[in-house]
Amino acid sequence: NRDKTRALQATHELRMAVEVGEIKEHRIKSNVSDLHEKLQQDISDAERSYMSRKMVTAQSTQQAAADCRVQYTRVRDFFENIHMSRLESLSRQHRRALKLQAINHRLRSTD
């Protein structure tokens, strides 16, 4: 009778140990699943962050290029104005020199 009771108790303990093992296995699997979901979420967050920084960099680059084009246009216009004023000044000097040369020729009666 004691042997049967011990055997029944041993099978009961064995069954309980198996159930505890199954519960632990389920808990570990759910923890691994949660870790996997957290890892996927972290990866997704990192990808979003990277894309956001990439967009900011692209926008900054576009803005810098636009600013450079505006600055280039302003510099080109500035130097073009200097060039045109210098051409006008040289043209006036040339006309004045021609007039003075004509006056000299008339005064000296030469061609």
PDB file of N, CA and C in Angstrom:
ATOM      1  N   ASN A   1       0.812  -1.179   0.000  1.00  0.00           N
ATOM      2  CA  ASN A   1       0.000   0.000   0.000  1.00  0.00           C
ATOM      3  C   ASN A   1       0.866   1.256   0.000  1.00  0.00           C
ATOM      4  N   ARG A   2       1.911   1.239   0.841  1.00  0.00           N
ATOM      5  CA  ARG A   2       2.818   2.387   0.861  1.00  0.00           C
ATOM      6  C   ARG A   2       3.537   2.518  -0.473  1.00  0.00           C
ATOM      7  N   ASP A   3       3.877   1.414  -1.053  1.00  0.00           N
ATOM      8  CA  ASP A   3       4.566   1.453  -2.348  1.00  0.00           C
ATOM      9  C   ASP A   3       3.652   2.059  -3.405  1.00  0.00           C
ATOM     10  N   LYS A   4       2.411   1.686  -3.394  1.00  0.00           N
ATOM     11  CA  LYS A   4       1.456   2.255  -4.357  1.00  0.00           C
ATOM     12  C   LYS A   4       1.292   3.750  -4.117  1.00  0.00           C
ATOM     13  N   THR A   5       1.235   4.138  -2.837  1.00  0.00           N
ATOM     14  CA  THR A   5       1.104   5.552  -2.503  1.00  0.00           C
ATOM     15  C   THR A   5       2.339   6.319  -2.959  1.00  0.00           C
ATOM     16  N   ARG A   6       3.513   5.734  -2.711  1.00  0.00           N
ATOM     17  CA  ARG A   6       4.763   6.396  -3.148  1.00  0.00           C
ATOM     18  C   ARG A   6       4.826   6.492  -4.673  1.00  0.00           C
ATOM     19  N   ALA A   7       4.416   5.410  -5.345  1.00  0.00           N
ATOM     20  CA  ALA A   7       4.427   5.425  -6.815  1.00  0.00           C
ATOM     21  C   ALA A   7       3.442   6.464  -7.331  1.00  0.00           C
ATOM     22  N   LEU A   8       2.245   6.535  -6.708  1.00  0.00           N
ATOM     23  CA  LEU A   8       1.257   7.538  -7.103  1.00  0.00           C
ATOM     24  C   LEU A   8       1.780   8.939  -6.842  1.00  0.00           C
ATOM     25  N   GLN A   9       2.454   9.104  -5.685  1.00  0.00           N
ATOM     26  CA  GLN A   9       3.020  10.405  -5.350  1.00  0.00           C
ATOM     27  C   GLN A   9       4.133  10.766  -6.334  1.00  0.00           C
ATOM     28  N   ALA A  10       4.950   9.778  -6.705  1.00  0.00           N
ATOM     29  CA  ALA A  10       6.045  10.019  -7.647  1.00  0.00           C
ATOM     30  C   ALA A  10       5.489  10.406  -9.011  1.00  0.00           C
ATOM     31  N   THR A  11       4.439   9.707  -9.480  1.00  0.00           N
ATOM     32  CA  THR A  11       3.846  10.066 -10.774  1.00  0.00           C
ATOM     33  C   THR A  11       3.194  11.445 -10.704  1.00  0.00           C
ATOM     34  N   HIS A  12       2.582  11.724  -9.543  1.00  0.00           N
ATOM     35  CA  HIS A  12       1.972  13.057  -9.370  1.00  0.00           C
ATOM     36  C   HIS A  12       3.057  14.137  -9.401  1.00  0.00           C
ATOM     37  N   GLU A  13       4.189  13.910  -8.721  1.00  0.00           N
ATOM     38  CA  GLU A  13       5.302  14.867  -8.724  1.00  0.00           C
ATOM     39  C   GLU A  13       5.894  15.005 -10.120  1.00  0.00           C
ATOM     40  N   LEU A  14       5.987  13.861 -10.802  1.00  0.00           N
ATOM     41  CA  LEU A  14       6.506  13.896 -12.167  1.00  0.00           C
ATOM     42  C   LEU A  14       5.581  14.705 -13.076  1.00  0.00           C
ATOM     43  N   ARG A  15       4.263  14.476 -12.956  1.00  0.00           N
ATOM     44  CA  ARG A  15       3.300  15.230 -13.749  1.00  0.00           C
ATOM     45  C   ARG A  15       3.373  16.718 -13.425  1.00  0.00           C
ATOM     46  N   MET A  16       3.491  17.032 -12.129  1.00  0.00           N
ATOM     47  CA  MET A  16       3.604  18.450 -11.730  1.00  0.00           C
ATOM     48  C   MET A  16       4.907  19.066 -12.275  1.00  0.00           C
ATOM     49  N   ALA A  17       6.000  18.302 -12.246  1.00  0.00           N
ATOM     50  CA  ALA A  17       7.274  18.795 -12.768  1.00  0.00           C
ATOM     51  C   ALA A  17       7.158  19.046 -14.264  1.00  0.00           C
ATOM     52  N   VAL A  18       6.475  18.153 -14.985  1.00  0.00           N
ATOM     53  CA  VAL A  18       6.271  18.340 -16.428  1.00  0.00           C
ATOM     54  C   VAL A  18       5.436  19.587 -16.669  1.00  0.00           C
ATOM     55  N   GLU A  19       4.352  19.767 -15.885  1.00  0.00           N
ATOM     56  CA  GLU A  19       3.510  20.956 -16.039  1.00  0.00           C
ATOM     57  C   GLU A  19       4.287  22.233 -15.730  1.00  0.00           C
ATOM     58  N   VAL A  20       5.096  22.198 -14.663  1.00  0.00           N
ATOM     59  CA  VAL A  20       5.929  23.362 -14.329  1.00  0.00           C
ATOM     60  C   VAL A  20       6.910  23.637 -15.460  1.00  0.00           C
ATOM     61  N   GLY A  21       7.493  22.574 -16.019  1.00  0.00           N
ATOM     62  CA  GLY A  21       8.411  22.742 -17.149  1.00  0.00           C
ATOM     63  C   GLY A  21       7.700  23.345 -18.357  1.00  0.00           C
ATOM     64  N   GLU A  22       6.471  22.909 -18.616  1.00  0.00           N
ATOM     65  CA  GLU A  22       5.706  23.473 -19.738  1.00  0.00           C
ATOM     66  C   GLU A  22       5.392  24.940 -19.501  1.00  0.00           C
ATOM     67  N   ILE A  23       5.030  25.260 -18.249  1.00  0.00           N
ATOM     68  CA  ILE A  23       4.743  26.678 -17.919  1.00  0.00           C
ATOM     69  C   ILE A  23       6.002  27.517 -18.100  1.00  0.00           C
ATOM     70  N   LYS A  24       7.137  27.001 -17.620  1.00  0.00           N
ATOM     71  CA  LYS A  24       8.406  27.739 -17.781  1.00  0.00           C
ATOM     72  C   LYS A  24       8.747  27.899 -19.263  1.00  0.00           C
ATOM     73  N   GLU A  25       8.536  26.826 -20.042  1.00  0.00           N
ATOM     74  CA  GLU A  25       8.811  26.889 -21.478  1.00  0.00           C
ATOM     75  C   GLU A  25       7.932  27.938 -22.145  1.00  0.00           C
ATOM     76  N   HIS A  26       6.646  27.948 -21.768  1.00  0.00           N
ATOM     77  CA  HIS A  26       5.729  28.945 -22.329  1.00  0.00           C
ATOM     78  C   HIS A  26       6.166  30.355 -21.951  1.00  0.00           C
ATOM     79  N   ARG A  27       6.567  30.526 -20.685  1.00  0.00           N
ATOM     80  CA  ARG A  27       7.015  31.851 -20.219  1.00  0.00           C
ATOM     81  C   ARG A  27       8.269  32.288 -20.976  1.00  0.00           C
ATOM     82  N   ILE A  28       9.208  31.363 -21.153  1.00  0.00           N
ATOM     83  CA  ILE A  28      10.450  31.692 -21.877  1.00  0.00           C
ATOM     84  C   ILE A  28      10.130  32.053 -23.328  1.00  0.00           C
ATOM     85  N   LYS A  29       9.234  31.267 -23.949  1.00  0.00           N
ATOM     86  CA  LYS A  29       8.863  31.571 -25.334  1.00  0.00           C
ATOM     87  C   LYS A  29       8.189  32.926 -25.439  1.00  0.00           C
ATOM     88  N   SER A  30       7.315  33.239 -24.472  1.00  0.00           N
ATOM     89  CA  SER A  30       6.653  34.551 -24.521  1.00  0.00           C
ATOM     90  C   SER A  30       7.662  35.665 -24.283  1.00  0.00           C
ATOM     91  N   ASN A  31       8.650  35.421 -23.388  1.00  0.00           N
ATOM     92  CA  ASN A  31       9.704  36.425 -23.175  1.00  0.00           C
ATOM     93  C   ASN A  31      10.531  36.608 -24.437  1.00  0.00           C
ATOM     94  N   VAL A  32      10.858  35.501 -25.095  1.00  0.00           N
ATOM     95  CA  VAL A  32      11.627  35.584 -26.347  1.00  0.00           C
ATOM     96  C   VAL A  32      10.802  36.306 -27.401  1.00  0.00           C
ATOM     97  N   SER A  33       9.499  36.020 -27.449  1.00  0.00           N
ATOM     98  CA  SER A  33       8.629  36.693 -28.401  1.00  0.00           C
ATOM     99  C   SER A  33       8.572  38.189 -28.110  1.00  0.00           C
ATOM    100  N   ASP A  34       8.447  38.535 -26.818  1.00  0.00           N
ATOM    101  CA  ASP A  34       8.441  39.947 -26.435  1.00  0.00           C
ATOM    102  C   ASP A  34       9.763  40.606 -26.798  1.00  0.00           C
ATOM    103  N   LEU A  35      10.872  39.903 -26.549  1.00  0.00           N
ATOM    104  CA  LEU A  35      12.187  40.445 -26.908  1.00  0.00           C
ATOM    105  C   LEU A  35      12.296  40.629 -28.416  1.00  0.00           C
ATOM    106  N   HIS A  36      11.772  39.656 -29.159  1.00  0.00           N
ATOM    107  CA  HIS A  36      11.804  39.760 -30.614  1.00  0.00           C
ATOM    108  C   HIS A  36      10.976  40.960 -31.083  1.00  0.00           C
ATOM    109  N   GLU A  37       9.784  41.135 -30.505  1.00  0.00           N
ATOM    110  CA  GLU A  37       8.948  42.289 -30.858  1.00  0.00           C
ATOM    111  C   GLU A  37       9.638  43.591 -30.479  1.00  0.00           C
ATOM    112  N   LYS A  38      10.266  43.612 -29.288  1.00  0.00           N
ATOM    113  CA  LYS A  38      10.985  44.821 -28.865  1.00  0.00           C
ATOM    114  C   LYS A  38      12.153  45.103 -29.802  1.00  0.00           C
ATOM    115  N   LEU A  39      12.869  44.040 -30.189  1.00  0.00           N
ATOM    116  CA  LEU A  39      13.982  44.206 -31.123  1.00  0.00           C
ATOM    117  C   LEU A  39      13.487  44.744 -32.461  1.00  0.00           C
ATOM    118  N   GLN A  40      12.378  44.191 -32.948  1.00  0.00           N
ATOM    119  CA  GLN A  40      11.817  44.675 -34.214  1.00  0.00           C
ATOM    120  C   GLN A  40      11.388  46.135 -34.097  1.00  0.00           C
ATOM    121  N   GLN A  41      10.809  46.499 -32.952  1.00  0.00           N
ATOM    122  CA  GLN A  41      10.404  47.886 -32.722  1.00  0.00           C
ATOM    123  C   GLN A  41      11.623  48.804 -32.689  1.00  0.00           C
ATOM    124  N   ASP A  42      12.697  48.353 -32.012  1.00  0.00           N
ATOM    125  CA  ASP A  42      13.932  49.148 -31.957  1.00  0.00           C
ATOM    126  C   ASP A  42      14.530  49.319 -33.351  1.00  0.00           C
ATOM    127  N   ILE A  43      14.512  48.249 -34.137  1.00  0.00           N
ATOM    128  CA  ILE A  43      15.037  48.325 -35.507  1.00  0.00           C
ATOM    129  C   ILE A  43      14.194  49.298 -36.324  1.00  0.00           C
ATOM    130  N   SER A  44      12.883  49.209 -36.169  1.00  0.00           N
ATOM    131  CA  SER A  44      11.980  50.114 -36.896  1.00  0.00           C
ATOM    132  C   SER A  44      12.227  51.562 -36.485  1.00  0.00           C
ATOM    133  N   ASP A  45      12.398  51.794 -35.183  1.00  0.00           N
ATOM    134  CA  ASP A  45      12.689  53.150 -34.697  1.00  0.00           C
ATOM    135  C   ASP A  45      14.010  53.666 -35.254  1.00  0.00           C
ATOM    136  N   ALA A  46      15.016  52.797 -35.286  1.00  0.00           N
ATOM    137  CA  ALA A  46      16.324  53.199 -35.824  1.00  0.00           C
ATOM    138  C   ALA A  46      16.218  53.525 -37.310  1.00  0.00           C
ATOM    139  N   GLU A  47      15.443  52.723 -38.052  1.00  0.00           N
ATOM    140  CA  GLU A  47      15.270  52.999 -39.486  1.00  0.00           C
ATOM    141  C   GLU A  47      14.547  54.329 -39.696  1.00  0.00           C
ATOM    142  N   ARG A  48      13.497  54.576 -38.891  1.00  0.00           N
ATOM    143  CA  ARG A  48      12.773  55.848 -39.009  1.00  0.00           C
ATOM    144  C   ARG A  48      13.684  57.023 -38.675  1.00  0.00           C
ATOM    145  N   SER A  49      14.487  56.856 -37.627  1.00  0.00           N
ATOM    146  CA  SER A  49      15.416  57.907 -37.231  1.00  0.00           C
ATOM    147  C   SER A  49      16.425  58.177 -38.337  1.00  0.00           C
ATOM    148  N   TYR A  50      16.953  57.107 -38.932  1.00  0.00           N
ATOM    149  CA  TYR A  50      17.915  57.257 -40.023  1.00  0.00           C
ATOM    150  C   TYR A  50      17.284  57.990 -41.203  1.00  0.00           C
ATOM    151  N   MET A  51      16.071  57.579 -41.579  1.00  0.00           N
ATOM    152  CA  MET A  51      15.405  58.227 -42.711  1.00  0.00           C
ATOM    153  C   MET A  51      15.113  59.700 -42.403  1.00  0.00           C
ATOM    154  N   SER A  52      14.742  59.972 -41.174  1.00  0.00           N
ATOM    155  CA  SER A  52      14.481  61.354 -40.778  1.00  0.00           C
ATOM    156  C   SER A  52      15.752  62.196 -40.899  1.00  0.00           C
ATOM    157  N   ARG A  53      16.876  61.660 -40.381  1.00  0.00           N
ATOM    158  CA  ARG A  53      18.148  62.398 -40.495  1.00  0.00           C
ATOM    159  C   ARG A  53      18.562  62.557 -41.942  1.00  0.00           C
ATOM    160  N   LYS A  54      18.316  61.515 -42.741  1.00  0.00           N
ATOM    161  CA  LYS A  54      18.668  61.587 -44.162  1.00  0.00           C
ATOM    162  C   LYS A  54      17.848  62.669 -44.855  1.00  0.00           C
ATOM    163  N   MET A  55      16.560  62.768 -44.517  1.00  0.00           N
ATOM    164  CA  MET A  55      15.710  63.805 -45.105  1.00  0.00           C
ATOM    165  C   MET A  55      16.186  65.193 -44.689  1.00  0.00           C
ATOM    166  N   VAL A  56      16.551  65.343 -43.415  1.00  0.00           N
ATOM    167  CA  VAL A  56      17.046  66.635 -42.937  1.00  0.00           C
ATOM    168  C   VAL A  56      18.327  67.006 -43.677  1.00  0.00           C
ATOM    169  N   THR A  57      19.212  66.021 -43.851  1.00  0.00           N
ATOM    170  CA  THR A  57      20.464  66.272 -44.574  1.00  0.00           C
ATOM    171  C   THR A  57      20.185  66.656 -46.023  1.00  0.00           C
ATOM    172  N   ALA A  58      19.257  65.957 -46.665  1.00  0.00           N
ATOM    173  CA  ALA A  58      18.920  66.271 -48.060  1.00  0.00           C
ATOM    174  C   ALA A  58      18.324  67.667 -48.169  1.00  0.00           C
ATOM    175  N   GLN A  59      17.442  68.020 -47.227  1.00  0.00           N
ATOM    176  CA  GLN A  59      16.852  69.359 -47.258  1.00  0.00           C
ATOM    177  C   GLN A  59      17.909  70.422 -47.011  1.00  0.00           C
ATOM    178  N   SER A  60      18.824  70.153 -46.084  1.00  0.00           N
ATOM    179  CA  SER A  60      19.907  71.108 -45.816  1.00  0.00           C
ATOM    180  C   SER A  60      20.786  71.288 -47.049  1.00  0.00           C
ATOM    181  N   THR A  61      21.067  70.183 -47.720  1.00  0.00           N
ATOM    182  CA  THR A  61      21.884  70.240 -48.930  1.00  0.00           C
ATOM    183  C   THR A  61      21.185  71.051 -50.015  1.00  0.00           C
ATOM    184  N   GLN A  62      19.881  70.826 -50.182  1.00  0.00           N
ATOM    185  CA  GLN A  62      19.125  71.582 -51.189  1.00  0.00           C
ATOM    186  C   GLN A  62      19.124  73.063 -50.843  1.00  0.00           C
ATOM    187  N   GLN A  63      18.934  73.386 -49.552  1.00  0.00           N
ATOM    188  CA  GLN A  63      18.923  74.783 -49.125  1.00  0.00           C
ATOM    189  C   GLN A  63      20.289  75.430 -49.360  1.00  0.00           C
ATOM    190  N   ALA A  64      21.354  74.691 -49.033  1.00  0.00           N
ATOM    191  CA  ALA A  64      22.703  75.228 -49.235  1.00  0.00           C
ATOM    192  C   ALA A  64      22.974  75.454 -50.717  1.00  0.00           C
ATOM    193  N   ALA A  65      22.533  74.517 -51.565  1.00  0.00           N
ATOM    194  CA  ALA A  65      22.728  74.677 -53.010  1.00  0.00           C
ATOM    195  C   ALA A  65      21.953  75.886 -53.520  1.00  0.00           C
ATOM    196  N   ALA A  66      20.726  76.059 -53.038  1.00  0.00           N
ATOM    197  CA  ALA A  66      19.928  77.220 -53.448  1.00  0.00           C
ATOM    198  C   ALA A  66      20.594  78.516 -52.993  1.00  0.00           C
ATOM    199  N   ASP A  67      21.096  78.524 -51.747  1.00  0.00           N
ATOM    200  CA  ASP A  67      21.797  79.717 -51.249  1.00  0.00           C
ATOM    201  C   ASP A  67      23.036  80.011 -52.078  1.00  0.00           C
ATOM    202  N   CYS A  68      23.768  78.970 -52.464  1.00  0.00           N
ATOM    203  CA  CYS A  68      24.964  79.163 -53.297  1.00  0.00           C
ATOM    204  C   CYS A  68      24.586  79.745 -54.658  1.00  0.00           C
ATOM    205  N   ARG A  69      23.495  79.241 -55.249  1.00  0.00           N
ATOM    206  CA  ARG A  69      23.063  79.780 -56.543  1.00  0.00           C
ATOM    207  C   ARG A  69      22.682  81.247 -56.433  1.00  0.00           C
ATOM    208  N   VAL A  70      21.979  81.608 -55.357  1.00  0.00           N
ATOM    209  CA  VAL A  70      21.594  83.009 -55.145  1.00  0.00           C
ATOM    210  C   VAL A  70      22.842  83.866 -54.972  1.00  0.00           C
ATOM    211  N   GLN A  71      23.770  83.384 -54.152  1.00  0.00           N
ATOM    212  CA  GLN A  71      25.003  84.140 -53.919  1.00  0.00           C
ATOM    213  C   GLN A  71      25.809  84.272 -55.212  1.00  0.00           C
ATOM    214  N   TYR A  72      25.886  83.186 -55.995  1.00  0.00           N
ATOM    215  CA  TYR A  72      26.601  83.232 -57.263  1.00  0.00           C
ATOM    216  C   TYR A  72      25.980  84.266 -58.195  1.00  0.00           C
ATOM    217  N   THR A  73      24.656  84.304 -58.249  1.00  0.00           N
ATOM    218  CA  THR A  73      23.960  85.280 -59.099  1.00  0.00           C
ATOM    219  C   THR A  73      24.286  86.695 -58.646  1.00  0.00           C
ATOM    220  N   ARG A  74      24.271  86.914 -57.328  1.00  0.00           N
ATOM    221  CA  ARG A  74      24.583  88.257 -56.817  1.00  0.00           C
ATOM    222  C   ARG A  74      26.021  88.659 -57.143  1.00  0.00           C
ATOM    223  N   VAL A  75      26.952  87.736 -56.982  1.00  0.00           N
ATOM    224  CA  VAL A  75      28.364  88.033 -57.281  1.00  0.00           C
ATOM    225  C   VAL A  75      28.543  88.294 -58.765  1.00  0.00           C
ATOM    226  N   ARG A  76      27.896  87.451 -59.603  1.00  0.00           N
ATOM    227  CA  ARG A  76      27.994  87.642 -61.059  1.00  0.00           C
ATOM    228  C   ARG A  76      27.442  89.007 -61.460  1.00  0.00           C
ATOM    229  N   ASP A  77      26.286  89.383 -60.906  1.00  0.00           N
ATOM    230  CA  ASP A  77      25.710  90.695 -61.203  1.00  0.00           C
ATOM    231  C   ASP A  77      26.630  91.822 -60.744  1.00  0.00           C
ATOM    232  N   PHE A  78      27.233  91.653 -59.567  1.00  0.00           N
ATOM    233  CA  PHE A  78      28.139  92.666 -59.045  1.00  0.00           C
ATOM    234  C   PHE A  78      29.320  92.877 -59.995  1.00  0.00           C
ATOM    235  N   PHE A  79      29.973  91.769 -60.391  1.00  0.00           N
ATOM    236  CA  PHE A  79      31.132  91.897 -61.270  1.00  0.00           C
ATOM    237  C   PHE A  79      30.719  92.357 -62.670  1.00  0.00           C
ATOM    238  N   GLU A  80      29.540  91.986 -63.095  1.00  0.00           N
ATOM    239  CA  GLU A  80      29.054  92.464 -64.390  1.00  0.00           C
ATOM    240  C   GLU A  80      28.845  93.974 -64.353  1.00  0.00           C
ATOM    241  N   ASN A  81      28.312  94.488 -63.252  1.00  0.00           N
ATOM    242  CA  ASN A  81      28.144  95.941 -63.108  1.00  0.00           C
ATOM    243  C   ASN A  81      29.492  96.652 -63.089  1.00  0.00           C
ATOM    244  N   ILE A  82      30.467  96.082 -62.372  1.00  0.00           N
ATOM    245  CA  ILE A  82      31.813  96.677 -62.358  1.00  0.00           C
ATOM    246  C   ILE A  82      32.391  96.684 -63.770  1.00  0.00           C
ATOM    247  N   HIS A  83      32.225  95.557 -64.487  1.00  0.00           N
ATOM    248  CA  HIS A  83      32.743  95.455 -65.850  1.00  0.00           C
ATOM    249  C   HIS A  83      32.098  96.504 -66.760  1.00  0.00           C
ATOM    250  N   MET A  84      30.783  96.629 -66.668  1.00  0.00           N
ATOM    251  CA  MET A  84      30.079  97.594 -67.523  1.00  0.00           C
ATOM    252  C   MET A  84      30.498  99.030 -67.187  1.00  0.00           C
ATOM    253  N   SER A  85      30.636  99.355 -65.901  1.00  0.00           N
ATOM    254  CA  SER A  85      31.050 100.714 -65.535  1.00  0.00           C
ATOM    255  C   SER A  85      32.481 100.975 -66.011  1.00  0.00           C
ATOM    256  N   ARG A  86      33.331  99.964 -65.953  1.00  0.00           N
ATOM    257  CA  ARG A  86      34.713 100.122 -66.440  1.00  0.00           C
ATOM    258  C   ARG A  86      34.720 100.320 -67.953  1.00  0.00           C
ATOM    259  N   LEU A  87      33.873  99.562 -68.664  1.00  0.00           N
ATOM    260  CA  LEU A  87      33.776  99.744 -70.117  1.00  0.00           C
ATOM    261  C   LEU A  87      33.303 101.147 -70.468  1.00  0.00           C
ATOM    262  N   GLU A  88      32.296 101.641 -69.743  1.00  0.00           N
ATOM    263  CA  GLU A  88      31.807 103.002 -69.991  1.00  0.00           C
ATOM    264  C   GLU A  88      32.905 104.029 -69.726  1.00  0.00           C
ATOM    265  N   SER A  89      33.640 103.822 -68.618  1.00  0.00           N
ATOM    266  CA  SER A  89      34.726 104.742 -68.279  1.00  0.00           C
ATOM    267  C   SER A  89      35.805 104.723 -69.366  1.00  0.00           C
ATOM    268  N   LEU A  90      36.185 103.541 -69.816  1.00  0.00           N
ATOM    269  CA  LEU A  90      37.201 103.449 -70.871  1.00  0.00           C
ATOM    270  C   LEU A  90      36.690 104.049 -72.176  1.00  0.00           C
ATOM    271  N   SER A  91      35.423 103.847 -72.461  1.00  0.00           N
ATOM    272  CA  SER A  91      34.845 104.424 -73.682  1.00  0.00           C
ATOM    273  C   SER A  91      34.877 105.957 -73.622  1.00  0.00           C
ATOM    274  N   ARG A  92      34.525 106.518 -72.466  1.00  0.00           N
ATOM    275  CA  ARG A  92      34.585 107.987 -72.309  1.00  0.00           C
ATOM    276  C   ARG A  92      36.015 108.490 -72.466  1.00  0.00           C
ATOM    277  N   GLN A  93      36.969 107.764 -71.839  1.00  0.00           N
ATOM    278  CA  GLN A  93      38.366 108.165 -71.963  1.00  0.00           C
ATOM    279  C   GLN A  93      38.813 108.105 -73.427  1.00  0.00           C
ATOM    280  N   HIS A  94      38.397 107.086 -74.136  1.00  0.00           N
ATOM    281  CA  HIS A  94      38.775 106.943 -75.548  1.00  0.00           C
ATOM    282  C   HIS A  94      38.192 108.096 -76.372  1.00  0.00           C
ATOM    283  N   ARG A  95      36.905 108.394 -76.151  1.00  0.00           N
ATOM    284  CA  ARG A  95      36.290 109.522 -76.905  1.00  0.00           C
ATOM    285  C   ARG A  95      36.987 110.842 -76.575  1.00  0.00           C
ATOM    286  N   ARG A  96      37.306 111.037 -75.306  1.00  0.00           N
ATOM    287  CA  ARG A  96      37.999 112.269 -74.909  1.00  0.00           C
ATOM    288  C   ARG A  96      39.373 112.339 -75.572  1.00  0.00           C
ATOM    289  N   ALA A  97      40.089 111.189 -75.606  1.00  0.00           N
ATOM    290  CA  ALA A  97      41.407 111.168 -76.243  1.00  0.00           C
ATOM    291  C   ALA A  97      41.281 111.464 -77.730  1.00  0.00           C
ATOM    292  N   LEU A  98      40.228 110.920 -78.388  1.00  0.00           N
ATOM    293  CA  LEU A  98      40.022 111.213 -79.817  1.00  0.00           C
ATOM    294  C   LEU A  98      39.735 112.693 -80.039  1.00  0.00           C
ATOM    295  N   LYS A  99      38.919 113.281 -79.155  1.00  0.00           N
ATOM    296  CA  LYS A  99      38.609 114.715 -79.289  1.00  0.00           C
ATOM    297  C   LYS A  99      39.864 115.552 -79.112  1.00  0.00           C
ATOM    298  N   LEU A 100      40.659 115.188 -78.087  1.00  0.00           N
ATOM    299  CA  LEU A 100      41.905 115.941 -77.864  1.00  0.00           C
ATOM    300  C   LEU A 100      42.856 115.783 -79.047  1.00  0.00           C
ATOM    301  N   GLN A 101      42.906 114.577 -79.606  1.00  0.00           N
ATOM    302  CA  GLN A 101      43.757 114.356 -80.769  1.00  0.00           C
ATOM    303  C   GLN A 101      43.263 115.189 -81.963  1.00  0.00           C
ATOM    304  N   ALA A 102      41.964 115.275 -82.140  1.00  0.00           N
ATOM    305  CA  ALA A 102      41.402 116.074 -83.236  1.00  0.00           C
ATOM    306  C   ALA A 102      41.721 117.548 -83.036  1.00  0.00           C
ATOM    307  N   ILE A 103      41.605 118.010 -81.779  1.00  0.00           N
ATOM    308  CA  ILE A 103      41.937 119.416 -81.503  1.00  0.00           C
ATOM    309  C   ILE A 103      43.406 119.671 -81.786  1.00  0.00           C
ATOM    310  N   ASN A 104      44.273 118.748 -81.370  1.00  0.00           N
ATOM    311  CA  ASN A 104      45.710 118.881 -81.626  1.00  0.00           C
ATOM    312  C   ASN A 104      45.988 118.950 -83.119  1.00  0.00           C
ATOM    313  N   HIS A 105      45.352 118.077 -83.877  1.00  0.00           N
ATOM    314  CA  HIS A 105      45.563 118.065 -85.330  1.00  0.00           C
ATOM    315  C   HIS A 105      45.084 119.362 -85.959  1.00  0.00           C
ATOM    316  N   ARG A 106      43.948 119.875 -85.497  1.00  0.00           N
ATOM    317  CA  ARG A 106      43.449 121.126 -86.052  1.00  0.00           C
ATOM    318  C   ARG A 106      44.395 122.295 -85.726  1.00  0.00           C
ATOM    319  N   LEU A 107      44.872 122.294 -84.462  1.00  0.00           N
ATOM    320  CA  LEU A 107      45.766 123.368 -84.069  1.00  0.00           C
ATOM    321  C   LEU A 107      47.096 123.287 -84.826  1.00  0.00           C
ATOM    322  N   ARG A 108      47.551 122.114 -85.123  1.00  0.00           N
ATOM    323  CA  ARG A 108      48.816 121.958 -85.826  1.00  0.00           C
ATOM    324  C   ARG A 108      48.617 121.887 -87.327  1.00  0.00           C
ATOM    325  N   SER A 109      47.369 121.828 -87.748  1.00  0.00           N
ATOM    326  CA  SER A 109      47.011 121.726 -89.162  1.00  0.00           C
ATOM    327  C   SER A 109      47.601 120.464 -89.793  1.00  0.00           C
ATOM    328  N   THR A 110      47.440 119.352 -89.110  1.00  0.00           N
ATOM    329  CA  THR A 110      47.921 118.067 -89.653  1.00  0.00           C
ATOM    330  C   THR A 110      46.744 117.105 -89.705  1.00  0.00           C
ATOM    331  N   ASP A 111      46.943 116.019 -90.476  1.00  0.00           N
ATOM    332  CA  ASP A 111      45.881 115.001 -90.556  1.00  0.00           C
ATOM    333  C   ASP A 111      46.032 113.962 -89.512  1.00  0.00           C
TER     334      ASP A 111
END
